[in-house]
Amino acid sequence: MLKSVRGVGAALQSPKENRLLAAMPEQDLEALEPMLERVTMPLGQAVYESGGPQGHVYFPTSSIVSLLYVLADGATAEIAVTGNEGLVGISLFMGGETTPSRAVVQSAGEGYRLRGSVLKKEFERGGALQHLLLRYTQALITQMTQTAVCNRHHSVDKQLCRWLLLSLDRLPGDRLVMTQELIANMLGVRREGVTEAAGKLQAEGLIEYSRGKITVVDRKRLEARVCECYAVVKREYDRLLPGRALQAA
């Protein structure tokens, strides 16, 4: 269960740590702020399950959430990642109520949650907030589409580069806490493939990997190594959500 963050430390935080909330018109954010609840988002925590109820939408601040598709045999594949640039739970305001995907915290941190009924009501009012959420949804669909293309046509090491860069764009530093087994589950590939791909990147001096911690030591060369899919996704987010200020490609 996601836990509320209360006390002095929580009071010092701001919903504007989430870039989608920060991009909202000031009066819209002021109306929502009393109903935003800051929560901890621990690694591996399920934000929602496939086909399950979604009572809240989540706005990550220092965490990253993976949207996963789960097959009948339990195998998983990541279809998108969401961090401080967006929200988790678009089906609540798009009219679907549930989704076949599963949302799991990929990188531990914090975020804000808001009752789905509140956001639906604000969304249905139309105006700037509705337009912002629709633009974000279009960007998310682009990421999902490009992920499918990448997984079908590009090598595991290209997929790993894309995954690393998308994750880093949503974190303040250059380090990820993630085991190779979890990465393999995210990418929907064998662990041996991730081990080989990570070994190549480490041998070339692009990353350092030790005990579940991945540090990107040469982002420029990693960007040069990645397939076109990363740039396609980043350009679309930047086009649709101006002012997000993700790290420059």
C-alpha atoms as a PDB file:
ATOM      1  CA  MET A   1       0.000   0.000   0.000  1.00  0.00           C
ATOM      2  CA  LEU A   2       1.222   3.500  -0.823  1.00  0.00           C
ATOM      3  CA  LYS A   3       1.656   5.537   2.346  1.00  0.00           C
ATOM      4  CA  SER A   4       0.875   9.208   2.902  1.00  0.00           C
ATOM      5  CA  VAL A   5       3.785  11.536   3.634  1.00  0.00           C
ATOM      6  CA  ARG A   6       3.035  13.863   6.516  1.00  0.00           C
ATOM      7  CA  GLY A   7       4.943  16.202   8.781  1.00  0.00           C
ATOM      8  CA  VAL A   8       7.483  18.994   8.325  1.00  0.00           C
ATOM      9  CA  GLY A   9       9.350  17.325   5.473  1.00  0.00           C
ATOM     10  CA  ALA A  10       6.175  16.860   3.483  1.00  0.00           C
ATOM     11  CA  ALA A  11       5.168  20.464   4.058  1.00  0.00           C
ATOM     12  CA  LEU A  12       8.381  21.637   2.406  1.00  0.00           C
ATOM     13  CA  GLN A  13       7.538  19.792  -0.805  1.00  0.00           C
ATOM     14  CA  SER A  14       5.499  21.176  -3.685  1.00  0.00           C
ATOM     15  CA  PRO A  15       3.182  19.573  -6.245  1.00  0.00           C
ATOM     16  CA  LYS A  16       5.142  21.546  -8.846  1.00  0.00           C
ATOM     17  CA  GLU A  17       7.875  18.919  -8.544  1.00  0.00           C
ATOM     18  CA  ASN A  18       5.635  17.112 -11.011  1.00  0.00           C
ATOM     19  CA  ARG A  19       5.975  18.894 -14.345  1.00  0.00           C
ATOM     20  CA  LEU A  20       2.436  18.189 -15.468  1.00  0.00           C
ATOM     21  CA  LEU A  21       1.046  19.774 -12.317  1.00  0.00           C
ATOM     22  CA  ALA A  22       3.505  22.655 -12.710  1.00  0.00           C
ATOM     23  CA  ALA A  23       2.238  23.256 -16.255  1.00  0.00           C
ATOM     24  CA  MET A  24      -1.371  23.616 -15.114  1.00  0.00           C
ATOM     25  CA  PRO A  25      -2.887  27.099 -14.978  1.00  0.00           C
ATOM     26  CA  GLU A  26      -2.271  28.522 -11.511  1.00  0.00           C
ATOM     27  CA  GLN A  27      -5.956  28.730 -10.640  1.00  0.00           C
ATOM     28  CA  ASP A  28      -6.523  25.092 -11.640  1.00  0.00           C
ATOM     29  CA  LEU A  29      -3.596  23.917  -9.520  1.00  0.00           C
ATOM     30  CA  GLU A  30      -4.749  26.006  -6.559  1.00  0.00           C
ATOM     31  CA  ALA A  31      -8.166  24.343  -6.788  1.00  0.00           C
ATOM     32  CA  LEU A  32      -6.630  20.854  -6.822  1.00  0.00           C
ATOM     33  CA  GLU A  33      -3.845  21.389  -4.281  1.00  0.00           C
ATOM     34  CA  PRO A  34      -5.922  20.844  -1.089  1.00  0.00           C
ATOM     35  CA  MET A  35      -6.997  17.465  -2.474  1.00  0.00           C
ATOM     36  CA  LEU A  36      -3.521  16.314  -3.547  1.00  0.00           C
ATOM     37  CA  GLU A  37      -2.067  13.753  -1.130  1.00  0.00           C
ATOM     38  CA  ARG A  38       1.687  13.201  -1.065  1.00  0.00           C
ATOM     39  CA  VAL A  39       2.582   9.496  -0.957  1.00  0.00           C
ATOM     40  CA  THR A  40       5.685   7.324  -0.801  1.00  0.00           C
ATOM     41  CA  MET A  41       6.109   5.008  -3.780  1.00  0.00           C
ATOM     42  CA  PRO A  42       8.370   2.058  -2.835  1.00  0.00           C
ATOM     43  CA  LEU A  43      10.184  -0.076  -5.416  1.00  0.00           C
ATOM     44  CA  GLY A  44       7.998  -2.868  -6.768  1.00  0.00           C
ATOM     45  CA  GLN A  45       4.747  -1.463  -5.390  1.00  0.00           C
ATOM     46  CA  ALA A  46       1.755  -1.978  -7.708  1.00  0.00           C
ATOM     47  CA  VAL A  47      -0.056   1.312  -8.248  1.00  0.00           C
ATOM     48  CA  TYR A  48      -2.857  -0.587  -9.956  1.00  0.00           C
ATOM     49  CA  GLU A  49      -3.415  -4.096 -11.284  1.00  0.00           C
ATOM     50  CA  SER A  50      -4.588  -5.235 -14.717  1.00  0.00           C
ATOM     51  CA  GLY A  51      -8.356  -4.857 -14.913  1.00  0.00           C
ATOM     52  CA  GLY A  52      -8.512  -3.654 -11.324  1.00  0.00           C
ATOM     53  CA  PRO A  53     -10.202  -0.555  -9.907  1.00  0.00           C
ATOM     54  CA  GLN A  54      -8.408   2.775 -10.183  1.00  0.00           C
ATOM     55  CA  GLY A  55      -9.598   5.055  -7.434  1.00  0.00           C
ATOM     56  CA  HIS A  56      -6.781   7.589  -7.849  1.00  0.00           C
ATOM     57  CA  VAL A  57      -4.501   9.125 -10.420  1.00  0.00           C
ATOM     58  CA  TYR A  58      -0.832   9.460  -9.449  1.00  0.00           C
ATOM     59  CA  PHE A  59       1.593  12.280 -10.227  1.00  0.00           C
ATOM     60  CA  PRO A  60       5.147  10.983  -9.600  1.00  0.00           C
ATOM     61  CA  THR A  61       7.727  13.497  -8.415  1.00  0.00           C
ATOM     62  CA  SER A  62      10.911  11.562  -7.562  1.00  0.00           C
ATOM     63  CA  SER A  63       9.667   8.095  -8.583  1.00  0.00           C
ATOM     64  CA  ILE A  64       9.164   6.297 -11.900  1.00  0.00           C
ATOM     65  CA  VAL A  65       6.249   3.997 -12.676  1.00  0.00           C
ATOM     66  CA  SER A  66       6.338   1.323 -15.387  1.00  0.00           C
ATOM     67  CA  LEU A  67       3.219   0.383 -17.301  1.00  0.00           C
ATOM     68  CA  LEU A  68       3.440  -3.354 -17.935  1.00  0.00           C
ATOM     69  CA  TYR A  69       1.420  -5.783 -19.981  1.00  0.00           C
ATOM     70  CA  VAL A  70       1.089  -9.155 -18.241  1.00  0.00           C
ATOM     71  CA  LEU A  71       0.629 -12.315 -20.325  1.00  0.00           C
ATOM     72  CA  ALA A  72      -1.385 -15.334 -19.250  1.00  0.00           C
ATOM     73  CA  ASP A  73       1.802 -17.202 -18.263  1.00  0.00           C
ATOM     74  CA  GLY A  74       2.925 -14.342 -16.025  1.00  0.00           C
ATOM     75  CA  ALA A  75       5.525 -12.918 -18.388  1.00  0.00           C
ATOM     76  CA  THR A  76       5.631  -9.123 -18.580  1.00  0.00           C
ATOM     77  CA  ALA A  77       6.770  -6.426 -20.987  1.00  0.00           C
ATOM     78  CA  GLU A  78       6.975  -2.704 -20.386  1.00  0.00           C
ATOM     79  CA  ILE A  79       4.852  -0.554 -22.676  1.00  0.00           C
ATOM     80  CA  ALA A  80       5.702   2.875 -21.198  1.00  0.00           C
ATOM     81  CA  VAL A  81       7.321   4.686 -18.289  1.00  0.00           C
ATOM     82  CA  THR A  82       5.932   7.659 -16.407  1.00  0.00           C
ATOM     83  CA  GLY A  83       7.876   9.927 -14.078  1.00  0.00           C
ATOM     84  CA  ASN A  84       7.740  13.539 -13.012  1.00  0.00           C
ATOM     85  CA  GLU A  85       6.600  14.591 -16.480  1.00  0.00           C
ATOM     86  CA  GLY A  86       3.148  13.063 -16.210  1.00  0.00           C
ATOM     87  CA  LEU A  87       0.539  11.009 -14.420  1.00  0.00           C
ATOM     88  CA  VAL A  88      -0.510   7.392 -13.989  1.00  0.00           C
ATOM     89  CA  GLY A  89      -4.154   6.488 -14.553  1.00  0.00           C
ATOM     90  CA  ILE A  90      -5.261   8.128 -17.820  1.00  0.00           C
ATOM     91  CA  SER A  91      -8.141   5.643 -18.211  1.00  0.00           C
ATOM     92  CA  LEU A  92      -9.953   7.420 -15.372  1.00  0.00           C
ATOM     93  CA  PHE A  93     -10.500  10.593 -17.392  1.00  0.00           C
ATOM     94  CA  MET A  94     -10.540   8.930 -20.827  1.00  0.00           C
ATOM     95  CA  GLY A  95     -13.692   7.015 -19.928  1.00  0.00           C
ATOM     96  CA  GLY A  96     -12.269   3.499 -19.718  1.00  0.00           C
ATOM     97  CA  GLU A  97     -12.188   3.187 -15.904  1.00  0.00           C
ATOM     98  CA  THR A  98      -9.863   0.133 -16.103  1.00  0.00           C
ATOM     99  CA  THR A  99      -6.928  -0.973 -18.272  1.00  0.00           C
ATOM    100  CA  PRO A 100      -5.346  -4.330 -19.184  1.00  0.00           C
ATOM    101  CA  SER A 101      -1.922  -3.022 -18.161  1.00  0.00           C
ATOM    102  CA  ARG A 102      -0.319  -3.135 -14.711  1.00  0.00           C
ATOM    103  CA  ALA A 103       1.438  -0.135 -13.137  1.00  0.00           C
ATOM    104  CA  VAL A 104       4.453  -0.871 -10.917  1.00  0.00           C
ATOM    105  CA  VAL A 105       6.974   1.455  -9.269  1.00  0.00           C
ATOM    106  CA  GLN A 106      10.236   0.984 -11.172  1.00  0.00           C
ATOM    107  CA  SER A 107      12.285   3.563  -9.250  1.00  0.00           C
ATOM    108  CA  ALA A 108      11.370   4.305  -5.637  1.00  0.00           C
ATOM    109  CA  GLY A 109      10.472   7.824  -4.593  1.00  0.00           C
ATOM    110  CA  GLU A 110       7.441   9.944  -3.920  1.00  0.00           C
ATOM    111  CA  GLY A 111       4.505  11.467  -5.699  1.00  0.00           C
ATOM    112  CA  TYR A 112       1.016  12.879  -5.286  1.00  0.00           C
ATOM    113  CA  ARG A 113      -2.304  11.152  -5.699  1.00  0.00           C
ATOM    114  CA  LEU A 114      -5.708  12.603  -6.423  1.00  0.00           C
ATOM    115  CA  ARG A 115      -9.091  10.933  -6.306  1.00  0.00           C
ATOM    116  CA  GLY A 116     -10.127   9.923  -9.778  1.00  0.00           C
ATOM    117  CA  SER A 117     -13.602  11.392  -9.309  1.00  0.00           C
ATOM    118  CA  VAL A 118     -12.074  14.816  -8.643  1.00  0.00           C
ATOM    119  CA  LEU A 119      -9.903  14.771 -11.765  1.00  0.00           C
ATOM    120  CA  LYS A 120     -12.787  13.470 -13.907  1.00  0.00           C
ATOM    121  CA  LYS A 121     -14.959  16.357 -12.759  1.00  0.00           C
ATOM    122  CA  GLU A 122     -12.249  18.917 -13.563  1.00  0.00           C
ATOM    123  CA  PHE A 123     -11.525  17.241 -16.895  1.00  0.00           C
ATOM    124  CA  GLU A 124     -15.173  17.353 -17.922  1.00  0.00           C
ATOM    125  CA  ARG A 125     -15.240  21.101 -17.277  1.00  0.00           C
ATOM    126  CA  GLY A 126     -13.012  21.483 -20.327  1.00  0.00           C
ATOM    127  CA  GLY A 127     -10.584  24.347 -20.738  1.00  0.00           C
ATOM    128  CA  ALA A 128      -6.825  24.456 -20.263  1.00  0.00           C
ATOM    129  CA  LEU A 129      -6.574  21.455 -17.902  1.00  0.00           C
ATOM    130  CA  GLN A 130      -8.437  19.187 -20.304  1.00  0.00           C
ATOM    131  CA  HIS A 131      -6.214  20.260 -23.193  1.00  0.00           C
ATOM    132  CA  LEU A 132      -3.072  19.646 -21.137  1.00  0.00           C
ATOM    133  CA  LEU A 133      -4.173  16.144 -20.128  1.00  0.00           C
ATOM    134  CA  LEU A 134      -5.115  15.262 -23.700  1.00  0.00           C
ATOM    135  CA  ARG A 135      -1.715  16.426 -24.973  1.00  0.00           C
ATOM    136  CA  TYR A 136      -0.011  14.330 -22.311  1.00  0.00           C
ATOM    137  CA  THR A 137      -2.103  11.320 -23.335  1.00  0.00           C
ATOM    138  CA  GLN A 138      -1.060  11.766 -26.967  1.00  0.00           C
ATOM    139  CA  ALA A 139       2.599  11.847 -25.909  1.00  0.00           C
ATOM    140  CA  LEU A 140       2.110   8.694 -23.834  1.00  0.00           C
ATOM    141  CA  ILE A 141       0.495   6.904 -26.784  1.00  0.00           C
ATOM    142  CA  THR A 142       3.502   7.857 -28.906  1.00  0.00           C
ATOM    143  CA  GLN A 143       5.802   6.309 -26.311  1.00  0.00           C
ATOM    144  CA  MET A 144       3.739   3.100 -26.254  1.00  0.00           C
ATOM    145  CA  THR A 145       3.742   2.880 -30.045  1.00  0.00           C
ATOM    146  CA  GLN A 146       7.479   3.496 -30.332  1.00  0.00           C
ATOM    147  CA  THR A 147       8.196   0.944 -27.592  1.00  0.00           C
ATOM    148  CA  ALA A 148       6.361  -1.701 -29.616  1.00  0.00           C
ATOM    149  CA  VAL A 149       8.355  -0.795 -32.733  1.00  0.00           C
ATOM    150  CA  CYS A 150      11.641  -0.803 -30.814  1.00  0.00           C
ATOM    151  CA  ASN A 151      10.996  -4.175 -29.182  1.00  0.00           C
ATOM    152  CA  ARG A 152      10.226  -5.693 -32.575  1.00  0.00           C
ATOM    153  CA  HIS A 153      12.992  -4.233 -34.714  1.00  0.00           C
ATOM    154  CA  HIS A 154      15.955  -3.255 -32.525  1.00  0.00           C
ATOM    155  CA  SER A 155      18.603  -5.209 -30.655  1.00  0.00           C
ATOM    156  CA  VAL A 156      18.569  -5.680 -26.891  1.00  0.00           C
ATOM    157  CA  ASP A 157      21.477  -3.279 -26.388  1.00  0.00           C
ATOM    158  CA  LYS A 158      19.599  -0.565 -28.350  1.00  0.00           C
ATOM    159  CA  GLN A 159      16.503  -1.224 -26.254  1.00  0.00           C
ATOM    160  CA  LEU A 160      18.579  -1.015 -23.080  1.00  0.00           C
ATOM    161  CA  CYS A 161      20.048   2.343 -24.165  1.00  0.00           C
ATOM    162  CA  ARG A 162      16.532   3.667 -24.846  1.00  0.00           C
ATOM    163  CA  TRP A 163      15.277   2.404 -21.502  1.00  0.00           C
ATOM    164  CA  LEU A 164      18.210   3.935 -19.609  1.00  0.00           C
ATOM    165  CA  LEU A 165      17.802   7.346 -21.245  1.00  0.00           C
ATOM    166  CA  LEU A 166      14.025   7.478 -20.765  1.00  0.00           C
ATOM    167  CA  SER A 167      14.525   6.598 -17.097  1.00  0.00           C
ATOM    168  CA  LEU A 168      17.326   9.142 -16.582  1.00  0.00           C
ATOM    169  CA  ASP A 169      15.174  11.894 -18.101  1.00  0.00           C
ATOM    170  CA  ARG A 170      12.776  11.348 -15.213  1.00  0.00           C
ATOM    171  CA  LEU A 171      15.351  11.302 -12.405  1.00  0.00           C
ATOM    172  CA  PRO A 172      17.505  14.084 -10.920  1.00  0.00           C
ATOM    173  CA  GLY A 173      20.791  12.147 -11.070  1.00  0.00           C
ATOM    174  CA  ASP A 174      22.678   9.706 -13.280  1.00  0.00           C
ATOM    175  CA  ARG A 175      22.142   6.529 -11.233  1.00  0.00           C
ATOM    176  CA  LEU A 176      19.421   3.894 -11.404  1.00  0.00           C
ATOM    177  CA  VAL A 177      18.759   1.188  -8.832  1.00  0.00           C
ATOM    178  CA  MET A 178      17.641  -1.789 -10.890  1.00  0.00           C
ATOM    179  CA  THR A 179      18.707  -5.433 -11.184  1.00  0.00           C
ATOM    180  CA  GLN A 180      19.312  -7.040 -14.561  1.00  0.00           C
ATOM    181  CA  GLU A 181      16.478  -9.459 -13.863  1.00  0.00           C
ATOM    182  CA  LEU A 182      14.017  -6.580 -13.419  1.00  0.00           C
ATOM    183  CA  ILE A 183      15.297  -4.878 -16.567  1.00  0.00           C
ATOM    184  CA  ALA A 184      14.800  -8.132 -18.478  1.00  0.00           C
ATOM    185  CA  ASN A 185      11.210  -8.291 -17.192  1.00  0.00           C
ATOM    186  CA  MET A 186      10.644  -4.689 -18.265  1.00  0.00           C
ATOM    187  CA  LEU A 187      12.000  -5.278 -21.763  1.00  0.00           C
ATOM    188  CA  GLY A 188      10.401  -8.694 -22.122  1.00  0.00           C
ATOM    189  CA  VAL A 189      13.717 -10.399 -22.961  1.00  0.00           C
ATOM    190  CA  ARG A 190      15.917 -13.069 -21.396  1.00  0.00           C
ATOM    191  CA  ARG A 191      18.141 -12.008 -18.513  1.00  0.00           C
ATOM    192  CA  GLU A 192      21.184 -13.307 -20.393  1.00  0.00           C
ATOM    193  CA  GLY A 193      20.471 -10.809 -23.161  1.00  0.00           C
ATOM    194  CA  VAL A 194      20.440  -7.910 -20.704  1.00  0.00           C
ATOM    195  CA  THR A 195      23.628  -9.182 -19.038  1.00  0.00           C
ATOM    196  CA  GLU A 196      25.398  -9.261 -22.402  1.00  0.00           C
ATOM    197  CA  ALA A 197      24.092  -5.845 -23.457  1.00  0.00           C
ATOM    198  CA  ALA A 198      25.004  -4.220 -20.120  1.00  0.00           C
ATOM    199  CA  GLY A 199      28.435  -5.835 -20.299  1.00  0.00           C
ATOM    200  CA  LYS A 200      29.060  -4.261 -23.706  1.00  0.00           C
ATOM    201  CA  LEU A 201      28.043  -0.815 -22.499  1.00  0.00           C
ATOM    202  CA  GLN A 202      30.236  -1.146 -19.420  1.00  0.00           C
ATOM    203  CA  ALA A 203      33.223  -2.384 -21.434  1.00  0.00           C
ATOM    204  CA  GLU A 204      32.892   0.653 -23.703  1.00  0.00           C
ATOM    205  CA  GLY A 205      32.831   2.996 -20.698  1.00  0.00           C
ATOM    206  CA  LEU A 206      29.235   4.181 -21.125  1.00  0.00           C
ATOM    207  CA  ILE A 207      27.889   2.793 -17.857  1.00  0.00           C
ATOM    208  CA  GLU A 208      29.050   1.278 -14.592  1.00  0.00           C
ATOM    209  CA  TYR A 209      27.029  -1.575 -13.145  1.00  0.00           C
ATOM    210  CA  SER A 210      27.444  -3.013  -9.661  1.00  0.00           C
ATOM    211  CA  ARG A 211      25.075  -4.716  -7.216  1.00  0.00           C
ATOM    212  CA  GLY A 212      21.885  -3.522  -8.824  1.00  0.00           C
ATOM    213  CA  LYS A 213      23.101   0.051  -9.360  1.00  0.00           C
ATOM    214  CA  ILE A 214      23.582   1.418 -12.877  1.00  0.00           C
ATOM    215  CA  THR A 215      25.464   4.682 -13.284  1.00  0.00           C
ATOM    216  CA  VAL A 216      25.600   6.374 -16.672  1.00  0.00           C
ATOM    217  CA  VAL A 217      29.104   7.802 -16.959  1.00  0.00           C
ATOM    218  CA  ASP A 218      28.971   9.035 -20.572  1.00  0.00           C
ATOM    219  CA  ARG A 219      25.488  10.180 -21.537  1.00  0.00           C
ATOM    220  CA  LYS A 220      26.603  11.758 -24.829  1.00  0.00           C
ATOM    221  CA  ARG A 221      27.981   8.462 -26.116  1.00  0.00           C
ATOM    222  CA  LEU A 222      24.902   6.634 -24.836  1.00  0.00           C
ATOM    223  CA  GLU A 223      22.721   9.036 -26.829  1.00  0.00           C
ATOM    224  CA  ALA A 224      24.884   8.385 -29.883  1.00  0.00           C
ATOM    225  CA  ARG A 225      24.461   4.633 -29.385  1.00  0.00           C
ATOM    226  CA  VAL A 226      20.676   4.594 -28.888  1.00  0.00           C
ATOM    227  CA  CYS A 227      18.228   3.865 -31.702  1.00  0.00           C
ATOM    228  CA  GLU A 228      15.950   6.505 -33.213  1.00  0.00           C
ATOM    229  CA  CYS A 229      13.085   5.515 -30.887  1.00  0.00           C
ATOM    230  CA  TYR A 230      14.381   7.572 -27.958  1.00  0.00           C
ATOM    231  CA  ALA A 231      14.548  10.804 -29.973  1.00  0.00           C
ATOM    232  CA  VAL A 232      11.084  10.227 -31.480  1.00  0.00           C
ATOM    233  CA  VAL A 233       9.529   9.881 -28.021  1.00  0.00           C
ATOM    234  CA  LYS A 234      11.435  12.813 -26.514  1.00  0.00           C
ATOM    235  CA  ARG A 235      10.578  15.165 -29.378  1.00  0.00           C
ATOM    236  CA  GLU A 236       6.887  14.345 -29.044  1.00  0.00           C
ATOM    237  CA  TYR A 237       6.873  14.984 -25.292  1.00  0.00           C
ATOM    238  CA  ASP A 238       8.728  18.267 -25.806  1.00  0.00           C
ATOM    239  CA  ARG A 239       6.345  19.307 -28.599  1.00  0.00           C
ATOM    240  CA  LEU A 240       3.160  18.494 -26.726  1.00  0.00           C
ATOM    241  CA  LEU A 241       4.254  19.540 -23.248  1.00  0.00           C
ATOM    242  CA  PRO A 242       6.344  22.708 -23.646  1.00  0.00           C
ATOM    243  CA  GLY A 243       8.359  23.792 -20.631  1.00  0.00           C
ATOM    244  CA  ARG A 244       8.963  20.255 -19.350  1.00  0.00           C
ATOM    245  CA  ALA A 245      12.699  20.903 -19.580  1.00  0.00           C
ATOM    246  CA  LEU A 246      13.796  17.284 -19.749  1.00  0.00           C
ATOM    247  CA  GLN A 247      17.502  16.889 -20.275  1.00  0.00           C
ATOM    248  CA  ALA A 248      18.508  17.920 -23.749  1.00  0.00           C
ATOM    249  CA  ALA A 249      19.178  15.172 -26.222  1.00  0.00           C
END
